[in-house]
Amino acid sequence: MTTARERYIQTLEFQPADPPFVRTIFPWQETGEQWRQQGWDGTPLDQCFDVDSLLWVAPYYGPAPEFEYTVLEEDERTRLYVNHEGIIMRELKEHRDTSMPQFVKFPVENRADFDQLVPERLALNPEVRLSDQWRGMVKALEGSDAPRYCWADRWGGFFGPLRNLMGVENLALAFYDQPDLVEAMMDQRANIIIEITEKVLEVTSFDSFWFWEDMAYNHGALINPKVFRRFALKYYRRVCDWLRSRGIQYIWLDSDGDISELIPIWLEAGINGLWPFEVAAGMDVVEVRKTYGHDLALSGGIDKRAVAIGGEAMRAEVDRIMPVVEDGGYFPELDHAAPPDISWSKACDYMAYLKHRLGRG
């Protein structure tokens, strides 16, 4: 009997895995609260559906120490506050998890701001990042046969983290008006990603590393891909080359939206896995596989809107991606976390049918 980790690696190597490696459906916070009212008893969802786990071993790659959460003003409907990343934002009190906040002010506007922030909050600071609590969490995973991944979340990349520091509009202008600042931020990110990850590898091992970007919307990239390539490619390569020198062969990237024009940059840099392939943004894992073949592992790609409808629409959507499953190198799951319009019963139906089509029940 092969272990979950072995089946995970077999899938990434485009080899048959028996049984297939299957992950659970993941809810937004508001969705999870709704599911509890509809019958979910709170049992971890991978256990609930008897599917595989992918264990997270990453410390926090963002500001450390974090900014103190501070409410600046509030009324009946909204709250203005400083979040843990130093962003001043206004959000709705209701539906905060499923609505977009208003971003009012970001911590970096110029080189002086960034140069001050680096030693204060963006340096290694191992006592904070690699805390006893984190070490205890990693130690608790010892003995598991599940694969492990190190996901740098909102601070592992060369657009997303810069966006966190400056905001989308300010960052887009900075590529032209403050190119030295953009270079400095990317250089710092590459160095600190390597520095932090080196420390992780001193404590534990993992099978895959994940960048985070979220740098596209439903009509394409948020920055001209040619401009982004000119700035970011060498930094991706620095990190990817270092990861492979440490034996990490599977390097993933998470970005929502239509990433069609960005995929060639990431492939050239050494990234060989992408998620989540949002169908509403025009992403189709069947077509992506035809274009890139076995150069690229895929995850996601099942339209959450079809799962919300349920029944025949859901089954047809699962059936649609089966040729990619059969080709290998693909983990079939939703094209993002489950929104509240997916009921608990629809989630259960979806997981049951997905497992049926994969021969898992």
Protein backbone atom coordinates (compact mmCIF):
# COMPACT_ATOMS: atom_id res chain seq x y z
CA MET A 1 0.00 0.00 0.00
CA THR A 2 1.49 3.34 -1.05
CA THR A 3 1.45 6.30 1.34
CA ALA A 4 -0.35 9.58 0.68
CA ARG A 5 3.01 11.25 0.09
CA GLU A 6 4.02 8.62 -2.44
CA ARG A 7 0.74 9.05 -4.30
CA TYR A 8 1.16 12.83 -4.24
CA ILE A 9 4.64 12.52 -5.79
CA GLN A 10 3.42 9.94 -8.30
CA THR A 11 0.76 12.38 -9.47
CA LEU A 12 3.30 15.19 -9.84
CA GLU A 13 5.51 12.83 -11.86
CA PHE A 14 2.60 12.03 -14.20
CA GLN A 15 2.55 8.45 -12.99
CA PRO A 16 -0.56 6.45 -12.01
CA ALA A 17 -1.46 6.78 -8.34
CA ASP A 18 -3.64 4.07 -6.82
CA PRO A 19 -5.83 5.29 -5.34
CA PRO A 20 -5.70 8.83 -6.79
CA PHE A 21 -4.63 11.62 -4.43
CA VAL A 22 -7.79 13.61 -3.65
CA ARG A 23 -8.12 16.75 -1.54
CA THR A 24 -11.23 18.03 0.15
CA ILE A 25 -13.41 21.02 -0.64
CA PHE A 26 -12.34 24.14 1.32
CA PRO A 27 -14.90 26.73 2.53
CA TRP A 28 -14.63 30.43 3.14
CA GLN A 29 -15.17 31.29 6.81
CA GLU A 30 -18.76 32.40 6.19
CA THR A 31 -19.40 29.22 4.23
CA GLY A 32 -18.07 27.07 7.05
CA GLU A 33 -20.33 28.84 9.55
CA GLN A 34 -23.28 28.20 7.24
CA TRP A 35 -22.34 24.52 6.83
CA ARG A 36 -22.37 24.06 10.60
CA GLN A 37 -25.96 25.27 10.63
CA GLN A 38 -26.80 22.86 7.80
CA GLY A 39 -25.40 19.67 9.32
CA TRP A 40 -21.60 19.70 9.37
CA ASP A 41 -20.46 18.68 12.84
CA GLY A 42 -17.05 20.36 12.57
CA THR A 43 -15.07 17.18 11.87
CA PRO A 44 -12.01 18.11 9.75
CA LEU A 45 -13.20 17.95 6.17
CA ASP A 46 -10.46 15.63 4.93
CA GLN A 47 -11.59 13.14 7.58
CA CYS A 48 -15.25 13.87 6.92
CA PHE A 49 -14.89 12.92 3.26
CA ASP A 50 -12.12 10.33 3.79
CA VAL A 51 -9.68 12.01 1.41
CA ASP A 52 -6.03 13.07 1.51
CA SER A 53 -4.28 15.82 3.45
CA LEU A 54 -1.55 18.18 2.31
CA LEU A 55 0.18 19.44 5.46
CA TRP A 56 1.24 23.07 5.77
CA VAL A 57 4.61 23.72 7.44
CA ALA A 58 5.32 27.37 6.60
CA PRO A 59 5.98 30.13 9.12
CA TYR A 60 4.77 33.66 8.39
CA TYR A 61 6.68 35.38 5.58
CA GLY A 62 5.06 38.80 6.06
CA PRO A 63 5.69 41.65 8.52
CA ALA A 64 7.14 40.28 11.75
CA PRO A 65 6.28 41.46 14.25
CA GLU A 66 2.87 42.05 12.75
CA PHE A 67 1.26 45.47 12.96
CA GLU A 68 -1.11 45.85 15.87
CA TYR A 69 -4.77 45.63 14.92
CA THR A 70 -6.13 49.11 15.63
CA VAL A 71 -9.68 50.33 15.02
CA LEU A 72 -9.54 53.95 13.84
CA GLU A 73 -13.26 54.55 13.46
CA GLU A 74 -16.49 52.63 12.99
CA ASP A 75 -20.19 53.08 12.45
CA GLU A 76 -23.15 50.70 12.29
CA ARG A 77 -22.12 49.20 8.95
CA THR A 78 -18.36 49.59 8.58
CA ARG A 79 -15.09 49.55 10.48
CA LEU A 80 -11.87 51.41 9.57
CA TYR A 81 -8.77 49.76 11.00
CA VAL A 82 -5.07 48.97 10.61
CA ASN A 83 -4.64 45.29 9.78
CA HIS A 84 -1.72 43.00 10.66
CA GLU A 85 0.07 43.97 7.43
CA GLY A 86 -0.04 47.69 8.18
CA ILE A 87 -2.80 48.42 5.66
CA ILE A 88 -5.52 50.87 6.66
CA MET A 89 -8.75 49.38 5.37
CA ARG A 90 -12.48 49.80 5.71
CA GLU A 91 -14.71 46.75 5.67
CA LEU A 92 -18.32 45.81 6.13
CA LYS A 93 -19.14 44.34 9.52
CA GLU A 94 -21.46 41.81 7.90
CA HIS A 95 -20.21 39.46 5.18
CA ARG A 96 -16.64 40.61 5.83
CA ASP A 97 -15.24 37.29 4.61
CA THR A 98 -17.03 37.33 1.27
CA SER A 99 -16.88 41.03 0.38
CA MET A 100 -13.92 43.15 -0.66
CA PRO A 101 -12.75 45.82 1.80
CA GLN A 102 -11.81 49.35 0.77
CA PHE A 103 -8.04 49.80 0.91
CA VAL A 104 -7.42 53.31 2.21
CA LYS A 105 -3.65 53.54 2.78
CA PHE A 106 -0.63 51.25 2.43
CA PRO A 107 2.59 51.23 4.47
CA VAL A 108 4.96 52.06 1.60
CA GLU A 109 4.79 55.07 -0.70
CA ASN A 110 8.48 55.61 -1.45
CA ARG A 111 11.98 54.20 -0.96
CA ALA A 112 12.39 55.83 2.45
CA ASP A 113 9.25 54.09 3.75
CA PHE A 114 10.50 50.73 2.48
CA ASP A 115 14.02 51.17 3.83
CA GLN A 116 12.57 51.90 7.27
CA LEU A 117 10.16 48.96 7.15
CA VAL A 118 12.73 46.31 6.20
CA PRO A 119 14.74 46.22 9.45
CA GLU A 120 11.65 46.83 11.57
CA ARG A 121 9.33 44.15 10.18
CA LEU A 122 10.58 42.43 6.99
CA ALA A 123 13.85 40.97 8.27
CA LEU A 124 14.32 37.32 9.33
CA ASN A 125 13.49 37.85 13.03
CA PRO A 126 13.61 34.09 13.75
CA GLU A 127 12.24 34.39 17.30
CA VAL A 128 8.97 35.69 15.84
CA ARG A 129 8.74 33.78 12.56
CA LEU A 130 10.12 30.46 13.81
CA SER A 131 8.49 30.66 17.20
CA ASP A 132 8.07 27.85 19.72
CA GLN A 133 4.42 27.70 18.68
CA TRP A 134 5.39 27.13 15.04
CA ARG A 135 7.99 24.53 16.01
CA GLY A 136 5.40 22.74 18.11
CA MET A 137 2.96 22.71 15.20
CA VAL A 138 5.60 21.18 12.92
CA LYS A 139 6.64 18.62 15.54
CA ALA A 140 3.02 17.50 15.88
CA LEU A 141 3.10 16.46 12.21
CA GLU A 142 5.93 13.98 12.75
CA GLY A 143 4.91 10.47 11.87
CA SER A 144 2.29 11.48 9.31
CA ASP A 145 2.63 9.92 5.86
CA ALA A 146 0.96 12.94 4.23
CA PRO A 147 2.94 15.23 1.92
CA ARG A 148 4.04 18.64 3.21
CA TYR A 149 4.10 22.02 1.54
CA CYS A 150 5.65 25.36 2.42
CA TRP A 151 3.32 28.12 1.27
CA ALA A 152 4.58 31.68 1.67
CA ASP A 153 0.96 32.87 1.55
CA ARG A 154 0.50 36.60 0.79
CA TRP A 155 4.23 37.34 1.05
CA GLY A 156 5.89 34.86 -1.29
CA GLY A 157 6.22 36.42 -4.72
CA PHE A 158 7.15 39.48 -6.73
CA PHE A 159 3.84 41.18 -7.36
CA GLY A 160 1.43 40.13 -4.62
CA PRO A 161 3.68 41.09 -1.68
CA LEU A 162 4.60 44.39 -3.37
CA ARG A 163 0.90 45.04 -3.84
CA ASN A 164 0.43 44.43 -0.11
CA LEU A 165 3.06 47.10 0.56
CA MET A 166 1.89 49.73 -1.95
CA GLY A 167 -1.55 48.90 -3.33
CA VAL A 168 -2.29 47.90 -6.93
CA GLU A 169 -2.49 51.40 -8.41
CA ASN A 170 0.58 52.74 -6.61
CA LEU A 171 2.59 49.65 -7.53
CA ALA A 172 1.56 49.81 -11.18
CA LEU A 173 2.80 53.42 -11.32
CA ALA A 174 5.99 52.54 -9.42
CA PHE A 175 7.12 50.19 -12.20
CA TYR A 176 7.49 53.37 -14.29
CA ASP A 177 7.99 56.16 -11.74
CA GLN A 178 10.05 54.37 -9.06
CA PRO A 179 11.73 51.40 -10.78
CA ASP A 180 14.58 51.39 -8.24
CA LEU A 181 12.04 50.90 -5.46
CA VAL A 182 10.41 48.01 -7.32
CA GLU A 183 13.83 46.38 -7.82
CA ALA A 184 14.67 46.88 -4.13
CA MET A 185 11.39 45.30 -3.01
CA MET A 186 11.79 42.30 -5.33
CA ASP A 187 15.40 41.81 -4.29
CA GLN A 188 14.44 41.92 -0.63
CA ARG A 189 11.61 39.45 -1.17
CA ALA A 190 13.89 36.99 -2.98
CA ASN A 191 16.51 37.19 -0.26
CA ILE A 192 14.08 36.83 2.64
CA ILE A 193 12.13 33.98 1.01
CA ILE A 194 15.40 32.06 0.73
CA GLU A 195 16.50 33.05 4.24
CA ILE A 196 13.25 32.02 5.91
CA THR A 197 12.90 28.82 3.89
CA GLU A 198 16.48 27.83 4.75
CA LYS A 199 15.49 28.01 8.41
CA VAL A 200 12.36 25.93 7.74
CA LEU A 201 14.50 23.21 6.18
CA GLU A 202 16.66 23.12 9.30
CA VAL A 203 13.56 22.12 11.27
CA THR A 204 11.52 20.01 8.86
CA SER A 205 11.28 18.77 5.28
CA PHE A 206 8.61 19.47 2.69
CA ASP A 207 7.72 18.29 -0.79
CA SER A 208 6.58 21.48 -2.52
CA PHE A 209 6.97 25.22 -2.20
CA TRP A 210 4.20 27.67 -3.12
CA PHE A 211 4.52 31.27 -4.29
CA TRP A 212 1.52 33.60 -3.95
CA GLU A 213 0.75 36.38 -6.42
CA ASP A 214 -2.97 36.99 -7.12
CA MET A 215 -1.93 39.32 -9.93
CA ALA A 216 -4.70 38.87 -12.47
CA TYR A 217 -8.41 39.56 -12.86
CA ASN A 218 -11.01 38.12 -15.21
CA HIS A 219 -9.59 39.87 -18.29
CA GLY A 220 -5.87 39.34 -17.77
CA ALA A 221 -2.84 40.39 -15.76
CA LEU A 222 -2.83 43.47 -13.51
CA ILE A 223 0.54 44.51 -14.98
CA ASN A 224 1.87 44.34 -18.54
CA PRO A 225 3.44 40.86 -18.73
CA LYS A 226 6.42 42.19 -20.70
CA VAL A 227 7.15 44.72 -17.97
CA PHE A 228 6.71 42.13 -15.27
CA ARG A 229 9.03 39.68 -17.03
CA ARG A 230 11.73 42.35 -17.28
CA PHE A 231 11.62 43.00 -13.55
CA ALA A 232 10.62 39.71 -11.93
CA LEU A 233 12.03 36.83 -13.96
CA LYS A 234 15.53 36.96 -12.46
CA TYR A 235 14.13 36.97 -8.92
CA TYR A 236 11.87 33.99 -9.54
CA ARG A 237 14.87 32.18 -11.01
CA ARG A 238 17.02 33.01 -7.99
CA VAL A 239 14.48 31.46 -5.62
CA CYS A 240 13.61 28.49 -7.85
CA ASP A 241 17.27 27.65 -8.47
CA TRP A 242 17.95 27.81 -4.74
CA LEU A 243 14.92 25.59 -3.95
CA ARG A 244 16.09 22.96 -6.42
CA SER A 245 19.59 23.11 -4.97
CA ARG A 246 17.96 22.07 -1.70
CA GLY A 247 16.06 19.20 -3.33
CA ILE A 248 12.65 20.90 -3.72
CA GLN A 249 11.52 19.89 -7.20
CA TYR A 250 7.86 20.89 -7.11
CA ILE A 251 7.36 24.65 -7.14
CA TRP A 252 3.80 25.98 -7.28
CA LEU A 253 2.22 29.40 -7.68
CA ASP A 254 -1.21 30.61 -6.62
CA SER A 255 -2.86 33.36 -8.66
CA ASP A 256 -6.50 34.04 -9.31
CA GLY A 257 -7.85 35.50 -12.55
CA ASP A 258 -6.90 35.03 -16.20
CA ILE A 259 -3.21 34.15 -15.99
CA SER A 260 -2.83 33.07 -19.62
CA GLU A 261 -0.14 35.64 -20.47
CA LEU A 262 1.76 35.04 -17.25
CA ILE A 263 2.15 31.26 -17.47
CA PRO A 264 5.13 31.41 -19.90
CA ILE A 265 7.03 33.70 -17.49
CA TRP A 266 6.49 31.35 -14.57
CA LEU A 267 7.44 28.28 -16.58
CA GLU A 268 10.63 29.95 -17.78
CA ALA A 269 11.46 30.84 -14.17
CA GLY A 270 11.21 27.21 -13.04
CA ILE A 271 7.71 27.11 -11.57
CA ASN A 272 6.02 23.84 -12.56
CA GLY A 273 2.61 23.90 -10.84
CA LEU A 274 -0.30 26.38 -10.83
CA TRP A 275 -3.59 26.83 -8.95
CA PRO A 276 -6.60 27.59 -8.99
CA PHE A 277 -7.58 28.13 -12.70
CA GLU A 278 -10.76 30.13 -12.17
CA VAL A 279 -13.33 29.12 -14.77
CA ALA A 280 -15.17 32.46 -14.44
CA ALA A 281 -11.95 34.16 -15.58
CA GLY A 282 -11.77 32.00 -18.69
CA MET A 283 -9.24 29.50 -17.38
CA ASP A 284 -9.74 25.92 -18.58
CA VAL A 285 -7.44 23.17 -17.32
CA VAL A 286 -8.28 21.03 -20.36
CA GLU A 287 -6.98 23.72 -22.73
CA VAL A 288 -4.01 24.57 -20.49
CA ARG A 289 -2.94 20.92 -20.56
CA LYS A 290 -3.20 20.89 -24.37
CA THR A 291 -0.97 23.96 -24.53
CA TYR A 292 1.69 23.07 -21.95
CA GLY A 293 1.54 19.29 -21.75
CA HIS A 294 3.54 17.69 -18.98
CA ASP A 295 5.66 20.79 -18.36
CA LEU A 296 3.03 22.02 -15.92
CA ALA A 297 1.19 20.35 -13.04
CA LEU A 298 -2.32 21.65 -12.41
CA SER A 299 -4.66 21.96 -9.44
CA GLY A 300 -8.17 23.39 -9.21
CA GLY A 301 -10.16 24.11 -12.34
CA ILE A 302 -13.59 22.78 -11.28
CA ASP A 303 -16.17 25.55 -11.62
CA LYS A 304 -17.55 26.34 -8.16
CA ARG A 305 -20.65 27.85 -9.79
CA ALA A 306 -21.59 24.44 -11.20
CA VAL A 307 -21.11 22.86 -7.78
CA ALA A 308 -23.44 25.51 -6.30
CA ILE A 309 -26.09 24.55 -8.87
CA GLY A 310 -25.53 20.87 -8.13
CA GLY A 311 -27.10 17.87 -9.80
CA GLU A 312 -26.42 17.38 -13.48
CA ALA A 313 -24.51 20.68 -13.79
CA MET A 314 -22.09 19.56 -11.08
CA ARG A 315 -21.67 16.08 -12.53
CA ALA A 316 -21.06 17.43 -16.03
CA GLU A 317 -18.39 19.78 -14.67
CA VAL A 318 -16.57 16.96 -12.88
CA ASP A 319 -16.85 14.81 -16.01
CA ARG A 320 -15.35 17.65 -18.08
CA ILE A 321 -12.00 17.58 -16.32
CA MET A 322 -11.59 13.79 -16.23
CA PRO A 323 -9.33 13.65 -19.34
CA VAL A 324 -6.81 15.78 -17.43
CA VAL A 325 -7.08 13.49 -14.40
CA GLU A 326 -6.36 10.51 -16.64
CA ASP A 327 -3.37 12.28 -18.19
CA GLY A 328 -1.78 12.78 -14.76
CA GLY A 329 -0.13 15.72 -13.08
CA TYR A 330 -3.47 17.13 -11.95
CA PHE A 331 -5.25 17.46 -8.61
CA PRO A 332 -8.96 17.99 -9.33
CA GLU A 333 -10.56 20.45 -6.93
CA LEU A 334 -12.61 23.64 -6.94
CA ASP A 335 -11.26 26.68 -8.74
CA HIS A 336 -11.07 28.47 -5.37
CA ALA A 337 -12.52 28.14 -1.89
CA ALA A 338 -16.23 27.33 -1.63
CA PRO A 339 -18.48 30.43 -1.38
CA PRO A 340 -21.68 30.48 0.70
CA ASP A 341 -23.92 29.63 -2.25
CA ILE A 342 -22.54 26.09 -2.05
CA SER A 343 -24.70 24.44 0.61
CA TRP A 344 -23.45 21.64 2.82
CA SER A 345 -25.59 19.10 0.97
CA LYS A 346 -24.21 20.31 -2.39
CA ALA A 347 -20.67 20.06 -1.02
CA CYS A 348 -21.34 16.50 0.09
CA ASP A 349 -22.86 15.57 -3.27
CA TYR A 350 -19.85 17.05 -5.08
CA MET A 351 -17.28 15.22 -2.96
CA ALA A 352 -19.18 11.95 -3.31
CA TYR A 353 -19.35 12.25 -7.10
CA LEU A 354 -15.72 13.37 -7.43
CA LYS A 355 -14.58 10.38 -5.38
CA HIS A 356 -16.82 8.09 -7.46
CA ARG A 357 -15.31 9.30 -10.73
CA LEU A 358 -11.82 8.88 -9.29
CA GLY A 359 -12.52 5.39 -8.02
CA ARG A 360 -12.31 6.41 -4.37
CA GLY A 361 -15.81 5.39 -3.30
